[in-house]
């Protein structure tokens, strides 16, 4: 008898409801009774995973911050809703712009309207409770964006009322619920200015300077001193430089200009002080094809492995393979905003979070709330160190070793005698434990 072995990641399936390609919708969460502002109901999203496996999606409402348990992604459950108030007045905080980041077991939140300041939520008691442990105006009343350099325990705030042309930088190390001011850093004196968004890793901040059509890079290793270590400017199809993300090895940056018809840019940042026209490749969503080619608005980019996840206002979540800069490929998309028939205004998908260990992708739509989805047939980013099969009497022993994978969390081995039916013989979860039937598997991490 011929034995055929098939190795795959396991992703649950669900019926597709809106225009999509290679993405499976798991569920949505929307409360139409929530208030609206400027024609929208929701803003940014983020997600958190507890050590016990509980996964929670966080999304900003006009007056509330919603925490939704998505541990069972097909059955999302609202477990906490925080009604945000301005301090010290105690009046309701209404904001169409909320932003979130995580550090350890804490979620940090800010808004770009009102005087709600910085909010910190303790997630350590999940799934039992979520607690607001800090709300402070010590550093700002409002700010557009926050970003946390987790390895160095620094929180960066851009577009704040307190430092309008630079950054507020806080120290979280050792006291995550009681941040201290590391520095207020004006950047307009070094060719920067207002920071609309930023990506920070290893003390290097890639700051999007909005109407300057520019990203400038700063080294904040030795605060309060800092230096400019690179710049991206004079690039193709410049617009309002909104946000960016950097790949794991620090060689590629994807950036979005929040401007109708401005392409997304993939930039080679190997030599950040000498970026030329040869270092740019462009790509964009073509969801409406010939009806409106290239006129969509890219909002927020994220990179996981070789995939760039782009939150497009009108076109939902778009996923591109950027492994070959000269041949960037669209590999999946899901349109969260089916109302779109043209590209005017700014409605649709605000943000996307692709980093949960479960492989669940979370997205926020400004009118329709949370979307939980997976890539149906992902280009598997598996580095096999070895894969061997040995006959042992009436059984086959399998031994394999893989390096880390960038998404997915389960292995399944199937076999077939006819090439048509593949019953499961091995199921491995979490890349460390293996349940096996008549086979043995071993795995190692690089």
Protein backbone atom coordinates (compact mmCIF):
# COMPACT_ATOMS: atom_id res chain seq x y z
CA UNK A 1 0.00 0.00 0.00
CA UNK A 2 1.31 3.43 -0.94
CA UNK A 3 1.26 5.96 1.92
CA UNK A 4 0.91 9.65 1.09
CA UNK A 5 1.73 12.09 3.89
CA UNK A 6 0.27 15.59 3.90
CA UNK A 7 1.45 18.33 6.31
CA UNK A 8 -0.65 21.44 6.83
CA UNK A 9 -1.64 24.11 9.31
CA UNK A 10 -5.15 23.76 10.67
CA UNK A 11 -7.43 26.80 10.19
CA UNK A 12 -11.15 26.54 11.00
CA UNK A 13 -13.60 27.35 8.21
CA UNK A 14 -16.65 29.57 8.12
CA UNK A 15 -18.96 30.78 5.37
CA UNK A 16 -17.76 33.83 3.44
CA UNK A 17 -20.15 36.76 3.66
CA UNK A 18 -18.53 39.64 1.78
CA UNK A 19 -16.11 40.08 -1.09
CA UNK A 20 -12.92 38.26 -0.26
CA UNK A 21 -10.10 36.16 -1.58
CA UNK A 22 -8.21 33.50 0.37
CA UNK A 23 -9.52 34.77 3.72
CA UNK A 24 -12.07 33.04 5.94
CA UNK A 25 -14.36 35.11 8.14
CA UNK A 26 -14.65 33.56 11.60
CA UNK A 27 -16.99 36.10 13.21
CA UNK A 28 -17.82 39.77 13.68
CA UNK A 29 -18.69 41.89 16.68
CA UNK A 30 -20.79 45.02 16.27
CA UNK A 31 -23.10 46.97 18.58
CA UNK A 32 -25.17 49.27 16.34
CA UNK A 33 -26.59 51.03 19.40
CA UNK A 34 -23.26 52.71 20.19
CA UNK A 35 -23.02 56.46 19.47
CA UNK A 36 -21.44 57.82 16.29
CA UNK A 37 -19.27 60.84 15.65
CA UNK A 38 -18.28 62.29 12.28
CA UNK A 39 -20.23 59.43 10.69
CA UNK A 40 -18.23 56.65 12.37
CA UNK A 41 -18.74 54.36 15.35
CA UNK A 42 -15.34 52.66 15.87
CA UNK A 43 -11.65 53.48 15.50
CA UNK A 44 -8.46 51.49 16.05
CA UNK A 45 -8.04 47.94 17.33
CA UNK A 46 -5.35 45.90 19.04
CA UNK A 47 -5.22 42.47 20.70
CA UNK A 48 -3.76 40.75 23.74
CA UNK A 49 -3.02 37.13 24.64
CA UNK A 50 -2.86 36.02 28.26
CA UNK A 51 -0.41 33.32 29.38
CA UNK A 52 -3.40 31.02 29.99
CA UNK A 53 -4.36 31.26 26.30
CA UNK A 54 -7.19 33.78 26.60
CA UNK A 55 -7.20 36.11 23.60
CA UNK A 56 -8.90 39.50 23.71
CA UNK A 57 -9.53 42.04 20.95
CA UNK A 58 -9.63 45.71 21.94
CA UNK A 59 -11.49 48.30 19.86
CA UNK A 60 -12.18 51.98 20.35
CA UNK A 61 -15.73 53.30 20.34
CA UNK A 62 -16.77 56.94 20.36
CA UNK A 63 -17.35 56.93 24.13
CA UNK A 64 -16.12 53.49 25.14
CA UNK A 65 -13.23 51.05 24.95
CA UNK A 66 -14.52 47.53 24.26
CA UNK A 67 -12.75 44.32 25.28
CA UNK A 68 -13.98 41.26 23.38
CA UNK A 69 -12.95 37.70 24.27
CA UNK A 70 -12.07 35.91 21.02
CA UNK A 71 -10.51 32.79 22.53
CA UNK A 72 -13.23 30.97 20.63
CA UNK A 73 -13.01 33.14 17.52
CA UNK A 74 -16.32 31.96 16.09
CA UNK A 75 -18.11 33.13 19.26
CA UNK A 76 -16.78 36.55 20.35
CA UNK A 77 -18.01 37.78 23.73
CA UNK A 78 -17.90 41.30 25.11
CA UNK A 79 -16.36 40.91 28.56
CA UNK A 80 -15.71 44.53 29.52
CA UNK A 81 -16.72 47.96 28.27
CA UNK A 82 -15.05 51.02 29.75
CA UNK A 83 -16.94 54.30 29.46
CA UNK A 84 -14.21 56.91 29.06
CA UNK A 85 -14.43 60.24 30.89
CA UNK A 86 -12.48 63.45 30.63
CA UNK A 87 -10.44 64.37 33.68
CA UNK A 88 -10.79 66.20 35.93
CA UNK A 89 -14.30 67.25 34.77
CA UNK A 90 -15.76 63.74 34.73
CA UNK A 91 -17.68 64.52 31.53
CA UNK A 92 -18.01 61.86 28.84
CA UNK A 93 -15.01 61.67 26.52
CA UNK A 94 -16.09 61.53 22.89
CA UNK A 95 -13.32 60.72 20.44
CA UNK A 96 -13.26 59.40 16.89
CA UNK A 97 -9.55 58.58 17.36
CA UNK A 98 -8.44 56.05 19.97
CA UNK A 99 -5.17 54.15 20.00
CA UNK A 100 -3.91 51.12 21.94
CA UNK A 101 -0.71 49.21 22.67
CA UNK A 102 0.27 46.46 25.11
CA UNK A 103 3.20 45.95 27.49
CA UNK A 104 3.29 42.82 29.60
CA UNK A 105 -0.18 42.28 31.06
CA UNK A 106 -1.24 45.89 30.52
CA UNK A 107 -3.15 47.69 27.77
CA UNK A 108 -2.37 51.39 27.25
CA UNK A 109 -4.99 53.65 25.65
CA UNK A 110 -5.15 57.25 24.48
CA UNK A 111 -7.52 59.51 22.54
CA UNK A 112 -7.03 62.48 20.23
CA UNK A 113 -10.02 64.41 21.54
CA UNK A 114 -10.92 65.64 24.99
CA UNK A 115 -8.88 65.37 28.17
CA UNK A 116 -8.92 61.67 29.04
CA UNK A 117 -5.11 61.46 29.15
CA UNK A 118 -3.40 58.05 29.42
CA UNK A 119 -5.40 55.01 30.54
CA UNK A 120 -3.81 51.73 31.68
CA UNK A 121 -5.79 48.48 32.03
CA UNK A 122 -4.61 45.42 33.98
CA UNK A 123 -5.35 42.21 32.04
CA UNK A 124 -3.58 39.78 34.38
CA UNK A 125 -6.77 38.38 35.96
CA UNK A 126 -8.32 37.17 32.71
CA UNK A 127 -10.71 35.59 32.07
CA UNK A 128 -12.19 36.83 35.37
CA UNK A 129 -11.75 40.59 35.17
CA UNK A 130 -10.17 43.61 33.48
CA UNK A 131 -9.34 46.60 35.68
CA UNK A 132 -8.56 50.24 34.93
CA UNK A 133 -5.57 50.85 37.21
CA UNK A 134 -4.35 54.24 36.00
CA UNK A 135 -5.79 57.34 34.34
CA UNK A 136 -3.46 60.32 34.29
CA UNK A 137 -3.08 63.70 32.62
CA UNK A 138 0.49 64.08 33.84
CA UNK A 139 1.91 63.78 30.32
CA UNK A 140 -0.85 64.91 27.96
CA UNK A 141 -4.58 65.56 27.77
CA UNK A 142 -4.90 64.13 24.27
CA UNK A 143 -2.55 62.48 21.79
CA UNK A 144 -3.02 60.96 18.37
CA UNK A 145 -0.76 57.92 18.62
CA UNK A 146 1.10 55.81 21.15
CA UNK A 147 3.71 53.12 20.46
CA UNK A 148 5.62 50.94 22.92
CA UNK A 149 9.16 49.72 22.35
CA UNK A 150 8.59 46.61 24.46
CA UNK A 151 12.21 45.43 24.64
CA UNK A 152 13.24 48.75 26.18
CA UNK A 153 10.07 49.55 28.12
CA UNK A 154 9.50 52.96 26.53
CA UNK A 155 6.16 54.43 25.49
CA UNK A 156 6.20 57.06 22.72
CA UNK A 157 3.33 59.51 22.15
CA UNK A 158 3.02 61.56 18.98
CA UNK A 159 0.67 64.38 18.08
CA UNK A 160 0.03 65.32 21.70
CA UNK A 161 -1.20 68.65 23.01
CA UNK A 162 1.86 68.86 25.27
CA UNK A 163 4.53 68.40 22.56
CA UNK A 164 2.81 69.33 19.31
CA UNK A 165 5.96 69.09 17.15
CA UNK A 166 7.66 66.05 18.62
CA UNK A 167 7.32 63.18 21.06
CA UNK A 168 6.55 62.48 24.69
CA UNK A 169 8.62 59.48 25.84
CA UNK A 170 7.73 57.57 29.01
CA UNK A 171 9.65 54.95 30.99
CA UNK A 172 7.64 51.82 31.92
CA UNK A 173 10.43 49.57 33.21
CA UNK A 174 9.72 48.32 36.72
CA UNK A 175 6.58 50.45 37.11
CA UNK A 176 4.23 49.78 34.18
CA UNK A 177 1.18 51.22 36.00
CA UNK A 178 3.03 54.35 37.09
CA UNK A 179 5.03 55.62 34.09
CA UNK A 180 7.66 58.30 34.52
CA UNK A 181 8.63 60.97 32.03
CA UNK A 182 11.79 60.07 30.16
CA UNK A 183 11.84 63.13 27.88
CA UNK A 184 9.78 65.64 25.94
CA UNK A 185 11.50 65.81 22.56
CA UNK A 186 10.83 68.62 20.05
CA UNK A 187 11.72 67.52 16.52
CA UNK A 188 11.00 70.60 14.40
CA UNK A 189 14.55 71.85 15.03
CA UNK A 190 16.05 68.86 13.17
CA UNK A 191 13.84 68.78 10.08
CA UNK A 192 10.94 66.94 11.70
CA UNK A 193 7.88 68.32 13.45
CA UNK A 194 4.40 66.95 14.09
CA UNK A 195 4.51 63.15 14.46
CA UNK A 196 1.27 61.56 13.25
CA UNK A 197 2.41 57.99 13.90
CA UNK A 198 5.59 56.06 14.56
CA UNK A 199 7.16 52.62 14.65
CA UNK A 200 9.84 52.05 17.28
CA UNK A 201 12.26 49.19 17.82
CA UNK A 202 15.56 49.05 19.72
CA UNK A 203 15.34 52.78 20.50
CA UNK A 204 15.10 53.71 16.81
CA UNK A 205 11.88 55.59 16.00
CA UNK A 206 10.56 55.80 12.44
CA UNK A 207 8.35 58.90 12.65
CA UNK A 208 5.71 59.74 10.03
CA UNK A 209 5.69 63.50 9.67
CA UNK A 210 2.30 63.93 8.01
CA UNK A 211 2.16 66.85 5.59
CA UNK A 212 5.96 66.92 5.30
CA UNK A 213 5.62 63.73 3.17
CA UNK A 214 8.50 62.32 5.13
CA UNK A 215 9.63 59.64 7.55
CA UNK A 216 12.57 60.66 9.67
CA UNK A 217 14.45 58.15 11.83
CA UNK A 218 15.77 59.02 15.29
CA UNK A 219 18.04 57.22 17.75
CA UNK A 220 16.73 57.70 21.29
CA UNK A 221 19.19 55.36 23.00
CA UNK A 222 20.70 58.10 25.18
CA UNK A 223 17.88 60.42 26.18
CA UNK A 224 17.59 63.32 26.52
CA UNK A 225 20.15 63.38 23.69
CA UNK A 226 19.09 61.97 20.32
CA UNK A 227 20.24 61.97 16.72
CA UNK A 228 18.78 61.72 13.22
CA UNK A 229 19.92 58.43 11.69
CA UNK A 230 18.01 58.39 8.41
CA UNK A 231 15.18 59.82 6.33
CA UNK A 232 12.70 58.74 3.68
CA UNK A 233 11.61 61.65 1.50
CA UNK A 234 11.29 62.68 -2.14
CA UNK A 235 9.57 59.38 -2.84
CA UNK A 236 7.07 58.34 -5.54
CA UNK A 237 3.47 59.56 -5.16
CA UNK A 238 4.01 61.50 -1.94
CA UNK A 239 1.03 62.35 0.24
CA UNK A 240 0.15 62.67 3.90
CA UNK A 241 2.76 60.37 5.43
CA UNK A 242 0.58 58.48 7.89
CA UNK A 243 2.26 55.35 9.30
CA UNK A 244 4.82 52.61 8.75
CA UNK A 245 6.04 49.20 9.92
CA UNK A 246 9.46 47.53 9.74
CA UNK A 247 10.20 43.84 9.06
CA UNK A 248 11.95 41.59 11.57
CA UNK A 249 15.49 42.01 10.28
CA UNK A 250 15.17 45.79 9.87
CA UNK A 251 15.82 45.84 6.14
CA UNK A 252 12.35 46.68 4.79
CA UNK A 253 9.81 49.33 5.71
CA UNK A 254 6.23 49.56 4.45
CA UNK A 255 4.60 52.97 4.65
CA UNK A 256 1.17 54.38 3.89
CA UNK A 257 0.30 57.89 2.73
CA UNK A 258 -3.24 58.70 3.84
CA UNK A 259 -4.04 60.22 0.45
CA UNK A 260 -6.46 59.08 -2.24
CA UNK A 261 -4.60 57.36 -5.04
CA UNK A 262 -1.22 57.27 -3.29
CA UNK A 263 0.40 53.83 -3.56
CA UNK A 264 1.81 51.92 -0.61
CA UNK A 265 5.61 52.01 -0.59
CA UNK A 266 8.04 49.22 0.24
CA UNK A 267 11.40 50.79 1.08
CA UNK A 268 14.83 49.20 1.36
CA UNK A 269 16.22 50.75 4.57
CA UNK A 270 19.45 48.78 4.71
CA UNK A 271 21.32 52.08 4.44
CA UNK A 272 18.90 54.60 6.01
CA UNK A 273 21.19 57.58 5.47
CA UNK A 274 21.39 56.98 1.72
CA UNK A 275 17.93 56.01 0.49
CA UNK A 276 17.53 56.65 -3.24
CA UNK A 277 14.81 56.19 -5.85
CA UNK A 278 16.13 52.67 -6.47
CA UNK A 279 15.11 51.67 -2.94
CA UNK A 280 11.34 52.06 -3.54
CA UNK A 281 8.75 49.62 -4.82
CA UNK A 282 5.06 50.51 -4.88
CA UNK A 283 1.83 48.52 -4.74
CA UNK A 284 -1.85 49.19 -4.06
CA UNK A 285 -5.30 47.68 -3.69
CA UNK A 286 -7.26 47.06 -6.88
CA UNK A 287 -10.47 45.82 -5.27
CA UNK A 288 -12.70 47.84 -7.60
CA UNK A 289 -10.44 47.16 -10.57
CA UNK A 290 -10.98 49.39 -13.57
CA UNK A 291 -13.73 51.33 -11.79
CA UNK A 292 -11.23 53.20 -9.66
CA UNK A 293 -7.69 51.85 -10.14
CA UNK A 294 -5.21 53.08 -7.59
CA UNK A 295 -7.52 55.60 -5.91
CA UNK A 296 -8.06 53.71 -2.64
CA UNK A 297 -6.63 54.98 0.66
CA UNK A 298 -4.15 52.86 2.61
CA UNK A 299 -4.33 53.62 6.33
CA UNK A 300 -2.20 51.35 8.55
CA UNK A 301 0.45 48.73 7.59
CA UNK A 302 1.82 45.78 9.58
CA UNK A 303 4.43 43.16 8.68
CA UNK A 304 4.48 39.54 9.83
CA UNK A 305 7.14 37.39 8.20
CA UNK A 306 7.02 38.07 4.47
CA UNK A 307 3.44 39.33 4.54
CA UNK A 308 2.34 42.96 4.72
CA UNK A 309 -1.15 43.42 6.17
CA UNK A 310 -2.67 46.74 5.06
CA UNK A 311 -5.82 48.26 6.57
CA UNK A 312 -7.45 50.04 3.64
CA UNK A 313 -10.25 52.46 4.43
CA UNK A 314 -12.56 51.36 1.60
CA UNK A 315 -11.04 47.99 0.72
CA UNK A 316 -10.75 46.24 4.08
CA UNK A 317 -7.78 44.03 4.93
CA UNK A 318 -5.35 43.49 2.04
CA UNK A 319 -2.43 41.06 2.43
CA UNK A 320 0.64 41.23 0.19
CA UNK A 321 3.66 38.96 -0.13
CA UNK A 322 6.66 41.31 -0.04
CA UNK A 323 9.41 38.66 -0.08
CA UNK A 324 10.41 39.75 -3.59
CA UNK A 325 10.28 43.57 -3.74
CA UNK A 326 10.30 43.49 -7.54
CA UNK A 327 7.27 41.20 -7.65
CA UNK A 328 4.92 42.09 -4.78
CA UNK A 329 1.86 39.84 -4.87
CA UNK A 330 -1.64 40.22 -3.40
CA UNK A 331 -2.25 36.90 -1.60
CA UNK A 332 -5.49 37.58 0.32
CA UNK A 333 -8.08 40.20 1.14
CA UNK A 334 -11.37 40.67 2.97
CA UNK A 335 -13.56 43.70 2.35
CA UNK A 336 -14.94 44.90 5.71
CA UNK A 337 -16.78 47.82 4.09
CA UNK A 338 -19.13 46.46 1.41
CA UNK A 339 -20.95 49.83 1.12
CA UNK A 340 -18.13 51.23 -1.00
CA UNK A 341 -18.82 51.88 -4.68
CA UNK A 342 -16.22 54.59 -5.16
CA UNK A 343 -13.35 56.24 -3.32
CA UNK A 344 -14.47 59.40 -1.55
CA UNK A 345 -14.04 60.33 2.08
CA UNK A 346 -12.49 58.15 4.76
CA UNK A 347 -14.64 55.22 5.85
CA UNK A 348 -14.02 51.49 6.20
CA UNK A 349 -11.19 49.53 7.78
CA UNK A 350 -9.16 51.43 10.38
CA UNK A 351 -6.69 48.87 11.71
CA UNK A 352 -5.62 45.24 11.64
CA UNK A 353 -3.77 43.05 14.17
CA UNK A 354 -2.14 39.90 12.68
CA UNK A 355 0.15 38.91 15.58
CA UNK A 356 -1.96 36.58 17.75
CA UNK A 357 -0.33 33.15 18.26
CA UNK A 358 -3.62 31.48 17.31
CA UNK A 359 -3.35 32.86 13.78
CA UNK A 360 -6.60 34.81 14.16
CA UNK A 361 -6.43 38.17 12.38
CA UNK A 362 -8.38 41.01 14.02
CA UNK A 363 -9.56 44.06 12.08
CA UNK A 364 -11.65 47.10 12.95
CA UNK A 365 -14.13 48.72 10.60
CA UNK A 366 -15.30 52.24 11.37
CA UNK A 367 -18.97 51.33 10.86
CA UNK A 368 -19.13 47.55 11.34
CA UNK A 369 -16.85 46.90 14.31
CA UNK A 370 -14.57 43.91 14.80
CA UNK A 371 -13.80 41.23 12.21
CA UNK A 372 -12.03 37.99 13.13
CA UNK A 373 -10.58 36.07 10.18
CA UNK A 374 -7.77 33.85 8.99
CA UNK A 375 -5.89 33.42 5.75
CA UNK A 376 -7.46 30.34 4.17
CA UNK A 377 -4.44 29.00 2.31
CA UNK A 378 -1.43 30.90 3.63
CA UNK A 379 1.96 30.63 1.93
CA UNK A 380 3.40 28.48 4.71
CA UNK A 381 6.46 30.10 6.23
CA UNK A 382 7.96 26.84 7.51
CA UNK A 383 11.66 26.14 7.56
CA UNK A 384 12.02 22.35 7.80
CA UNK A 385 15.29 21.45 9.45
CA UNK A 386 14.56 17.76 8.81
CA UNK A 387 11.70 15.39 7.95
CA UNK A 388 12.16 11.60 8.06
CA UNK A 389 9.93 8.51 7.95
CA UNK A 390 10.96 5.08 9.31
CA UNK A 391 9.14 1.78 9.12
CA UNK A 392 8.69 0.08 12.49
CA UNK A 393 6.89 -3.26 12.18
CA UNK A 394 3.28 -2.32 11.32
CA UNK A 395 3.70 1.44 11.93
CA UNK A 396 5.57 4.39 10.44
CA UNK A 397 7.55 6.64 12.75
CA UNK A 398 7.79 10.28 11.68
CA UNK A 399 10.46 12.60 12.96
CA UNK A 400 10.72 16.22 11.94
CA UNK A 401 12.23 19.46 13.15
CA UNK A 402 11.16 22.96 12.17
CA UNK A 403 12.42 26.43 12.86
CA UNK A 404 9.99 29.06 14.16
CA UNK A 405 6.98 29.77 11.99
CA UNK A 406 5.49 33.24 11.54
CA UNK A 407 1.82 32.24 11.82
CA UNK A 408 -0.40 29.30 12.59
CA UNK A 409 -0.23 27.17 15.70
CA UNK A 410 -1.14 23.62 14.76
CA UNK A 411 0.27 20.81 12.63
CA UNK A 412 -1.81 18.05 11.14
CA UNK A 413 -0.51 14.95 9.40
CA UNK A 414 -2.84 13.12 7.01
CA UNK A 415 -2.25 9.96 5.02
CA UNK A 416 -4.00 8.49 2.02
CA UNK A 417 -4.10 5.19 0.20
CA UNK A 418 -5.86 6.59 -2.85
CA UNK A 419 -4.82 10.23 -3.07
CA UNK A 420 -8.41 11.33 -2.50
CA UNK A 421 -9.26 10.64 1.15
CA UNK A 422 -6.80 11.88 3.80
CA UNK A 423 -7.72 10.74 7.34
CA UNK A 424 -5.80 12.46 10.14
CA UNK A 425 -3.13 10.44 11.94
CA UNK A 426 -1.24 13.12 13.90
CA UNK A 427 -2.39 16.39 15.45
CA UNK A 428 0.20 18.70 17.03
CA UNK A 429 -0.73 21.83 18.93
CA UNK A 430 1.28 24.88 20.02
CA UNK A 431 4.47 23.68 18.28
CA UNK A 432 5.63 21.99 21.49
CA UNK A 433 3.19 19.23 22.45
CA UNK A 434 2.28 16.37 20.15
CA UNK A 435 -0.62 13.92 20.31
CA UNK A 436 0.17 10.99 18.03
CA UNK A 437 -1.31 7.79 16.71
CA UNK A 438 1.11 5.04 15.64
CA UNK A 439 3.76 7.71 14.99
CA UNK A 440 6.21 9.80 16.95
CA UNK A 441 7.21 13.35 16.14
CA UNK A 442 10.00 15.48 17.50
CA UNK A 443 10.47 19.17 16.96
CA UNK A 444 13.11 21.74 17.77
CA UNK A 445 13.34 25.49 17.52
CA UNK A 446 16.12 27.43 15.97
